[in-house]
């Protein structure tokens, strides 16, 4: 095994462990946690939009011919919209209200599963990016890993918040978030082994992931914010959404490649 591959696997494993940041919320009381989640869903929408607009799209434009980037973004949006419909047809049609009426916990909302799928793709791409850095040199790989870590930390907090907000049990949400993050290790291995042949494929996946994230933020998460009746809390949510976008933007400036 090449030294760059070993370095990549070690870095991506560390990145995957960031998904366990949600363990700090396991001991919180439900009332306190749900108050935090009402704000976190706005931060989640902001970080996902920021990742799509300030990270994934610029990277895709640099990697793939510009004329092909936006059709792939549109494809990502449409595919995830189609997946959302399938999940709704399977889990929806008022079943959640029926569960609540019987005193049972309603099943998680559809966007929880969409977020897991989007996170799988995104983390896989992150692993490929880290692999490309270490193939170049150890210093470039280390810098790239730090950049990805600072980018992933707020997003992993947001991803955990999305799953819990959608109705998933906390430990289950933590487990699913961690399993999704392990795709970074797979992406790192694939990138180290076959980077020359999958480089363009990686660019297409980046554009596809951007479209998926735009759909998730604009069609699933932001509408959830409309359920807030208080003007003050609504203003706080909008501020936090912008803060989430700025977080990703500032990370990109500080750790520009």
Protein backbone atom coordinates (compact mmCIF):
# COMPACT_ATOMS: atom_id res chain seq x y z
CA UNK A 1 0.00 0.00 0.00
CA UNK A 2 1.37 3.41 -1.00
CA UNK A 3 2.28 5.89 1.77
CA UNK A 4 -0.23 8.40 0.31
CA UNK A 5 -2.98 5.76 0.60
CA UNK A 6 -2.16 5.11 4.27
CA UNK A 7 -2.14 8.86 4.98
CA UNK A 8 -5.45 9.26 3.16
CA UNK A 9 -7.13 6.42 5.08
CA UNK A 10 -5.89 7.80 8.42
CA UNK A 11 -7.15 11.30 7.54
CA UNK A 12 -10.57 10.12 6.32
CA UNK A 13 -11.08 7.96 9.43
CA UNK A 14 -10.43 11.03 11.59
CA UNK A 15 -12.86 13.05 9.44
CA UNK A 16 -15.50 10.33 9.88
CA UNK A 17 -15.16 10.50 13.66
CA UNK A 18 -16.33 14.14 13.53
CA UNK A 19 -19.84 12.80 12.92
CA UNK A 20 -19.89 11.63 16.56
CA UNK A 21 -20.09 15.26 17.71
CA UNK A 22 -23.81 14.64 18.28
CA UNK A 23 -22.96 12.43 21.29
CA UNK A 24 -22.91 15.62 23.39
CA UNK A 25 -26.67 15.97 22.79
CA UNK A 26 -27.57 12.48 24.02
CA UNK A 27 -27.88 13.56 27.66
CA UNK A 28 -29.96 16.71 26.98
CA UNK A 29 -33.56 16.92 28.13
CA UNK A 30 -36.09 16.66 25.30
CA UNK A 31 -37.52 20.16 25.85
CA UNK A 32 -34.08 21.78 25.75
CA UNK A 33 -32.99 19.70 22.76
CA UNK A 34 -36.05 20.62 20.69
CA UNK A 35 -35.54 24.31 21.42
CA UNK A 36 -31.99 23.96 20.13
CA UNK A 37 -33.15 21.96 17.10
CA UNK A 38 -35.55 24.70 16.06
CA UNK A 39 -32.49 26.92 15.59
CA UNK A 40 -30.24 24.12 14.36
CA UNK A 41 -32.54 23.30 11.45
CA UNK A 42 -31.96 26.85 10.19
CA UNK A 43 -28.19 26.49 10.67
CA UNK A 44 -28.34 23.15 8.87
CA UNK A 45 -30.13 24.71 5.89
CA UNK A 46 -27.51 27.46 5.80
CA UNK A 47 -24.51 25.11 5.93
CA UNK A 48 -25.96 22.85 3.24
CA UNK A 49 -26.74 25.80 0.97
CA UNK A 50 -23.29 27.22 1.69
CA UNK A 51 -21.65 23.90 0.86
CA UNK A 52 -23.54 23.74 -2.45
CA UNK A 53 -23.01 27.38 -3.51
CA UNK A 54 -19.55 28.18 -2.11
CA UNK A 55 -17.82 24.78 -2.13
CA UNK A 56 -19.32 22.17 -4.45
CA UNK A 57 -20.36 24.35 -7.40
CA UNK A 58 -17.03 26.23 -7.73
CA UNK A 59 -15.17 22.91 -7.43
CA UNK A 60 -17.38 21.33 -10.12
CA UNK A 61 -16.86 24.26 -12.51
CA UNK A 62 -13.08 23.87 -12.12
CA UNK A 63 -13.18 20.10 -12.65
CA UNK A 64 -15.83 19.59 -15.34
CA UNK A 65 -16.65 21.47 -18.53
CA UNK A 66 -18.90 24.37 -17.50
CA UNK A 67 -21.60 23.47 -20.04
CA UNK A 68 -22.06 20.11 -18.29
CA UNK A 69 -21.99 21.29 -14.69
CA UNK A 70 -25.44 22.82 -14.43
CA UNK A 71 -27.27 19.98 -16.20
CA UNK A 72 -25.72 17.70 -13.54
CA UNK A 73 -26.88 20.11 -10.83
CA UNK A 74 -30.38 19.99 -12.30
CA UNK A 75 -30.18 16.19 -12.46
CA UNK A 76 -29.23 16.04 -8.77
CA UNK A 77 -32.18 18.29 -7.91
CA UNK A 78 -34.63 16.24 -9.99
CA UNK A 79 -33.37 12.84 -8.77
CA UNK A 80 -33.70 13.89 -5.13
CA UNK A 81 -37.14 15.36 -5.79
CA UNK A 82 -38.13 12.00 -7.29
CA UNK A 83 -36.65 10.15 -4.30
CA UNK A 84 -38.58 12.44 -1.95
CA UNK A 85 -41.82 11.54 -3.76
CA UNK A 86 -41.03 7.83 -3.49
CA UNK A 87 -40.31 8.17 0.25
CA UNK A 88 -43.52 10.15 0.69
CA UNK A 89 -45.56 7.53 -1.15
CA UNK A 90 -44.01 4.82 1.00
CA UNK A 91 -44.06 6.56 4.41
CA UNK A 92 -46.54 9.40 3.90
CA UNK A 93 -50.28 9.81 3.26
CA UNK A 94 -50.98 10.86 6.84
CA UNK A 95 -49.46 7.82 8.55
CA UNK A 96 -47.47 10.06 10.85
CA UNK A 97 -50.65 11.60 12.25
CA UNK A 98 -52.13 8.13 12.72
CA UNK A 99 -49.12 7.06 14.78
CA UNK A 100 -49.39 10.17 16.95
CA UNK A 101 -53.12 9.63 17.46
CA UNK A 102 -52.41 6.15 18.82
CA UNK A 103 -49.83 7.51 21.23
CA UNK A 104 -46.90 6.10 19.30
CA UNK A 105 -43.96 8.00 17.92
CA UNK A 106 -44.40 9.02 14.28
CA UNK A 107 -41.90 7.64 11.75
CA UNK A 108 -39.05 9.99 10.73
CA UNK A 109 -39.88 12.54 8.03
CA UNK A 110 -38.76 11.77 4.49
CA UNK A 111 -36.00 14.38 4.40
CA UNK A 112 -34.08 12.44 7.06
CA UNK A 113 -33.36 9.69 4.53
CA UNK A 114 -32.62 12.23 1.78
CA UNK A 115 -30.08 13.88 4.06
CA UNK A 116 -28.37 10.56 4.74
CA UNK A 117 -28.12 9.84 1.00
CA UNK A 118 -26.82 13.33 0.24
CA UNK A 119 -24.31 13.04 3.07
CA UNK A 120 -23.08 9.70 1.71
CA UNK A 121 -22.31 11.30 -1.66
CA UNK A 122 -20.77 14.42 -0.15
CA UNK A 123 -18.49 12.51 2.24
CA UNK A 124 -17.40 10.18 -0.55
CA UNK A 125 -16.33 13.25 -2.56
CA UNK A 126 -14.52 14.69 0.48
CA UNK A 127 -12.55 11.46 0.70
CA UNK A 128 -11.55 11.74 -2.96
CA UNK A 129 -10.47 15.36 -2.45
CA UNK A 130 -8.29 14.37 0.52
CA UNK A 131 -6.77 11.56 -1.56
CA UNK A 132 -5.90 14.01 -4.31
CA UNK A 133 -4.11 16.20 -1.76
CA UNK A 134 -1.94 13.40 -0.37
CA UNK A 135 -1.12 12.14 -3.87
CA UNK A 136 0.27 15.63 -4.53
CA UNK A 137 2.27 15.87 -1.28
CA UNK A 138 1.91 15.32 2.46
CA UNK A 139 1.67 19.06 3.14
CA UNK A 140 -1.09 19.56 0.56
CA UNK A 141 -2.93 16.52 1.92
CA UNK A 142 -2.67 17.79 5.50
CA UNK A 143 -3.91 21.26 4.53
CA UNK A 144 -6.79 19.72 2.59
CA UNK A 145 -7.70 17.51 5.56
CA UNK A 146 -7.78 20.50 7.91
CA UNK A 147 -9.96 22.40 5.44
CA UNK A 148 -12.37 19.47 5.11
CA UNK A 149 -12.46 19.03 8.92
CA UNK A 150 -13.40 22.65 9.54
CA UNK A 151 -15.94 22.41 6.75
CA UNK A 152 -17.40 19.14 8.06
CA UNK A 153 -17.68 20.03 11.76
CA UNK A 154 -20.54 22.54 11.42
CA UNK A 155 -22.17 20.40 8.76
CA UNK A 156 -22.02 17.24 10.91
CA UNK A 157 -23.68 19.16 13.74
CA UNK A 158 -26.32 20.24 11.27
CA UNK A 159 -26.75 16.73 9.84
CA UNK A 160 -27.31 15.26 13.31
CA UNK A 161 -29.78 18.04 14.04
CA UNK A 162 -31.68 17.32 10.81
CA UNK A 163 -32.10 13.62 11.68
CA UNK A 164 -33.29 14.30 15.23
CA UNK A 165 -35.56 17.13 14.10
CA UNK A 166 -37.07 14.77 11.52
CA UNK A 167 -38.13 12.44 14.32
CA UNK A 168 -35.28 9.92 14.41
CA UNK A 169 -34.31 8.59 17.83
CA UNK A 170 -31.07 10.22 19.04
CA UNK A 171 -28.82 7.17 19.19
CA UNK A 172 -30.15 5.96 15.85
CA UNK A 173 -29.49 9.42 14.35
CA UNK A 174 -25.93 9.33 15.70
CA UNK A 175 -25.38 5.85 14.25
CA UNK A 176 -26.77 6.73 10.80
CA UNK A 177 -24.76 9.97 10.70
CA UNK A 178 -21.58 8.03 11.55
CA UNK A 179 -22.28 5.32 8.95
CA UNK A 180 -22.85 8.01 6.29
CA UNK A 181 -19.57 9.66 7.25
CA UNK A 182 -17.66 6.40 6.65
CA UNK A 183 -18.18 6.91 2.92
CA UNK A 184 -15.30 9.40 3.22
CA UNK A 185 -12.99 6.45 3.92
CA UNK A 186 -14.32 4.64 0.83
CA UNK A 187 -13.90 7.80 -1.23
CA UNK A 188 -10.34 8.16 0.02
CA UNK A 189 -9.51 4.58 -0.93
CA UNK A 190 -11.10 4.90 -4.37
CA UNK A 191 -9.36 8.23 -4.92
CA UNK A 192 -5.96 6.85 -3.91
CA UNK A 193 -6.33 3.74 -6.04
CA UNK A 194 -7.97 5.08 -9.20
CA UNK A 195 -7.80 8.86 -9.00
CA UNK A 196 -6.55 9.40 -12.53
CA UNK A 197 -9.45 7.45 -14.03
CA UNK A 198 -12.24 8.79 -11.77
CA UNK A 199 -11.21 12.46 -11.63
CA UNK A 200 -13.86 13.59 -14.10
CA UNK A 201 -16.41 11.30 -12.48
CA UNK A 202 -15.66 13.05 -9.20
CA UNK A 203 -16.46 16.40 -10.80
CA UNK A 204 -19.81 15.12 -12.04
CA UNK A 205 -20.58 13.74 -8.58
CA UNK A 206 -19.73 17.10 -7.02
CA UNK A 207 -22.20 18.87 -9.33
CA UNK A 208 -24.85 16.19 -8.71
CA UNK A 209 -24.35 16.55 -4.95
CA UNK A 210 -24.73 20.34 -5.21
CA UNK A 211 -28.13 19.93 -6.86
CA UNK A 212 -29.18 17.43 -4.20
CA UNK A 213 -28.16 19.79 -1.39
CA UNK A 214 -29.99 22.74 -2.97
CA UNK A 215 -33.15 20.63 -3.15
CA UNK A 216 -32.77 19.46 0.44
CA UNK A 217 -32.27 23.00 1.78
CA UNK A 218 -34.82 24.85 -0.36
CA UNK A 219 -37.58 22.23 -0.59
CA UNK A 220 -37.33 20.38 2.71
CA UNK A 221 -35.52 22.32 5.45
CA UNK A 222 -36.48 25.96 4.81
CA UNK A 223 -40.22 25.05 4.59
CA UNK A 224 -39.83 23.49 8.07
CA UNK A 225 -38.84 26.96 9.32
CA UNK A 226 -42.24 28.27 8.19
CA UNK A 227 -43.83 26.32 11.05
CA UNK A 228 -42.43 28.87 13.51
CA UNK A 229 -45.16 31.32 14.60
CA UNK A 230 -43.10 33.71 16.73
CA UNK A 231 -41.73 36.70 14.80
CA UNK A 232 -38.71 36.93 17.07
CA UNK A 233 -37.79 33.26 16.69
CA UNK A 234 -38.40 33.48 12.94
CA UNK A 235 -35.96 36.38 12.73
CA UNK A 236 -33.46 34.41 14.78
CA UNK A 237 -33.85 31.45 12.41
CA UNK A 238 -33.23 33.64 9.36
CA UNK A 239 -30.14 35.13 11.01
CA UNK A 240 -28.84 31.67 11.90
CA UNK A 241 -29.44 30.44 8.32
CA UNK A 242 -27.28 33.27 6.97
CA UNK A 243 -24.72 32.51 9.70
CA UNK A 244 -24.58 28.89 8.51
CA UNK A 245 -23.89 30.03 4.94
CA UNK A 246 -21.23 32.48 6.14
CA UNK A 247 -19.56 29.74 8.20
CA UNK A 248 -18.94 27.62 5.11
CA UNK A 249 -17.92 30.69 3.08
CA UNK A 250 -15.37 31.81 5.69
CA UNK A 251 -13.94 28.32 6.01
CA UNK A 252 -13.43 28.31 2.25
CA UNK A 253 -11.56 31.65 2.46
CA UNK A 254 -9.37 30.68 5.40
CA UNK A 255 -8.50 27.23 4.05
CA UNK A 256 -8.50 28.01 0.35
CA UNK A 257 -6.58 25.40 -1.62
